[in-house]
C-alpha atoms as a PDB file:
ATOM      1  CA  MET A   1      15.648 152.261  -5.646  1.00  0.00           C
ATOM      2  CA  ILE A   2      12.049 152.158  -6.567  1.00  0.00           C
ATOM      3  CA  LYS A   3      10.380 149.126  -5.507  1.00  0.00           C
ATOM      4  CA  ILE A   4       6.665 147.837  -5.478  1.00  0.00           C
ATOM      5  CA  VAL A   5       5.496 147.257  -2.299  1.00  0.00           C
ATOM      6  CA  TYR A   6       1.444 146.268  -2.985  1.00  0.00           C
ATOM      7  CA  LEU A   7      -0.052 144.868  -5.766  1.00  0.00           C
ATOM      8  CA  ALA A   8      -3.605 143.872  -6.348  1.00  0.00           C
ATOM      9  CA  VAL A   9      -5.082 142.127  -9.968  1.00  0.00           C
ATOM     10  CA  ALA A  10      -7.308 144.363 -11.484  1.00  0.00           C
ATOM     11  CA  GLY A  11      -8.492 142.596 -14.554  1.00  0.00           C
ATOM     12  CA  PRO A  12      -7.302 139.676 -16.595  1.00  0.00           C
ATOM     13  CA  SER A  13      -4.069 141.799 -17.777  1.00  0.00           C
ATOM     14  CA  THR A  14      -4.340 144.791 -15.147  1.00  0.00           C
ATOM     15  CA  VAL A  15      -2.692 145.083 -11.849  1.00  0.00           C
ATOM     16  CA  SER A  16      -2.821 147.891  -9.604  1.00  0.00           C
ATOM     17  CA  LEU A  17       1.120 149.179  -8.225  1.00  0.00           C
ATOM     18  CA  VAL A  18       1.688 151.132  -5.099  1.00  0.00           C
ATOM     19  CA  PHE A  19       5.340 152.112  -5.275  1.00  0.00           C
ATOM     20  CA  SER A  20       7.703 152.410  -2.466  1.00  0.00           C
ATOM     21  CA  ASP A  21       7.760 156.389  -2.722  1.00  0.00           C
ATOM     22  CA  GLY A  22       3.568 155.882  -2.326  1.00  0.00           C
ATOM     23  CA  SER A  23       2.850 156.355  -5.864  1.00  0.00           C
ATOM     24  CA  ALA A  24       0.195 154.358  -7.317  1.00  0.00           C
ATOM     25  CA  ALA A  25      -1.391 153.061 -11.129  1.00  0.00           C
ATOM     26  CA  ALA A  26      -2.813 150.210 -12.680  1.00  0.00           C
ATOM     27  CA  TRP A  27      -0.674 148.759 -15.584  1.00  0.00           C
ATOM     28  CA  SER A  28      -2.125 146.876 -18.160  1.00  0.00           C
ATOM     29  CA  ALA A  29      -0.165 143.595 -19.549  1.00  0.00           C
ATOM     30  CA  ALA A  30      -2.041 143.645 -22.929  1.00  0.00           C
ATOM     31  CA  ASP A  31       1.360 144.771 -25.352  1.00  0.00           C
ATOM     32  CA  LEU A  32       3.351 142.669 -22.991  1.00  0.00           C
ATOM     33  CA  ILE A  33       0.831 139.542 -23.749  1.00  0.00           C
ATOM     34  CA  ALA A  34      -0.085 140.495 -27.595  1.00  0.00           C
ATOM     35  CA  ARG A  35       4.289 139.604 -28.226  1.00  0.00           C
ATOM     36  CA  ASP A  36       3.056 136.171 -27.463  1.00  0.00           C
ATOM     37  CA  THR A  37       6.644 134.966 -26.170  1.00  0.00           C
ATOM     38  CA  SER A  38       7.381 131.736 -24.228  1.00  0.00           C
ATOM     39  CA  MET A  39       7.530 133.631 -20.802  1.00  0.00           C
ATOM     40  CA  THR A  40       4.939 135.807 -21.723  1.00  0.00           C
ATOM     41  CA  ARG A  41       2.521 133.497 -23.384  1.00  0.00           C
ATOM     42  CA  PRO A  42       1.027 132.252 -20.319  1.00  0.00           C
ATOM     43  CA  LEU A  43       0.171 135.583 -19.097  1.00  0.00           C
ATOM     44  CA  GLY A  44      -2.893 135.134 -21.448  1.00  0.00           C
ATOM     45  CA  ASP A  45      -4.887 132.917 -18.758  1.00  0.00           C
ATOM     46  CA  PRO A  46      -6.726 135.450 -16.344  1.00  0.00           C
ATOM     47  CA  ALA A  47      -6.256 132.895 -14.379  1.00  0.00           C
ATOM     48  CA  TYR A  48      -2.372 132.692 -14.159  1.00  0.00           C
ATOM     49  CA  PHE A  49      -2.420 136.056 -14.590  1.00  0.00           C
ATOM     50  CA  LYS A  50      -3.745 136.210 -10.993  1.00  0.00           C
ATOM     51  CA  ARG A  51      -0.644 134.615  -9.769  1.00  0.00           C
ATOM     52  CA  ALA A  52       1.091 137.765  -9.816  1.00  0.00           C
ATOM     53  CA  PHE A  53       3.085 138.151  -6.674  1.00  0.00           C
ATOM     54  CA  ILE A  54       5.912 140.390  -5.485  1.00  0.00           C
ATOM     55  CA  GLU A  55       9.819 139.378  -5.579  1.00  0.00           C
ATOM     56  CA  ALA A  56      12.101 142.065  -4.167  1.00  0.00           C
ATOM     57  CA  GLY A  57      10.185 144.583  -5.085  1.00  0.00           C
ATOM     58  CA  ALA A  58       9.800 143.019  -8.980  1.00  0.00           C
ATOM     59  CA  LEU A  59       6.300 142.079 -10.249  1.00  0.00           C
ATOM     60  CA  ALA A  60       6.392 138.437 -11.066  1.00  0.00           C
ATOM     61  CA  TRP A  61       4.585 135.160 -12.197  1.00  0.00           C
ATOM     62  CA  PRO A  62       5.512 131.535 -10.952  1.00  0.00           C
ATOM     63  CA  ASN A  63       7.371 130.753 -14.552  1.00  0.00           C
ATOM     64  CA  GLY A  64      10.237 133.082 -13.797  1.00  0.00           C
ATOM     65  CA  PHE A  65       9.420 136.564 -15.689  1.00  0.00           C
ATOM     66  CA  GLU A  66       9.492 139.376 -13.853  1.00  0.00           C
ATOM     67  CA  LEU A  67       9.550 143.243 -14.474  1.00  0.00           C
ATOM     68  CA  SER A  68      11.858 145.747 -12.543  1.00  0.00           C
ATOM     69  CA  ALA A  69       9.978 148.338 -10.378  1.00  0.00           C
ATOM     70  CA  ASP A  70      12.290 150.398 -11.884  1.00  0.00           C
ATOM     71  CA  SER A  71      11.060 150.244 -15.607  1.00  0.00           C
ATOM     72  CA  LEU A  72       7.383 149.887 -14.486  1.00  0.00           C
ATOM     73  CA  TYR A  73       7.466 153.068 -13.160  1.00  0.00           C
ATOM     74  CA  ARG A  74       9.215 155.096 -15.549  1.00  0.00           C
ATOM     75  CA  ARG A  75       6.490 153.454 -18.401  1.00  0.00           C
ATOM     76  CA  LEU A  76       4.238 154.673 -16.098  1.00  0.00           C
ATOM     77  CA  ASP A  77       5.433 158.343 -15.166  1.00  0.00           C
ATOM     78  CA  GLU A  78       6.217 158.830 -18.999  1.00  0.00           C
ATOM     79  CA  ALA A  79       2.432 158.004 -19.657  1.00  0.00           C
ATOM     80  CA  GLY A  80       1.114 160.490 -17.197  1.00  0.00           C
ATOM     81  CA  ALA A  81      -0.586 157.221 -14.977  1.00  0.00           C
ATOM     82  CA  LEU A  82       1.222 157.524 -11.887  1.00  0.00           C
ATOM     83  CA  ILE A  83      -0.968 158.861  -8.649  1.00  0.00           C
ATOM     84  CA  ARG A  84       1.802 160.149  -5.976  1.00  0.00           C
ATOM     85  CA  SER A  85       0.225 160.873  -3.280  1.00  0.00           C
ATOM     86  CA  ALA A  86       0.258 164.253  -1.445  1.00  0.00           C
ATOM     87  CA  ALA A  87       3.066 164.132   0.885  1.00  0.00           C
END
């Protein structure tokens, strides 16, 4: 099972992620924020977005909103955005 092992906020709606298999990618939450739901609305505030953290291998925020590492990994892989480590 893939987990997020490192994250760094890289912009007002972007995080850099490193996964447990060593691959990495930048992920933008812009589309998610644009949905403007009660759970995603706070992410539109860059100060709140910076409060992202890893919870049990998933990307999370203090309001309880979480994105699984598997779904992020799959989306980034399908988009050709994953940078795989040369092991």
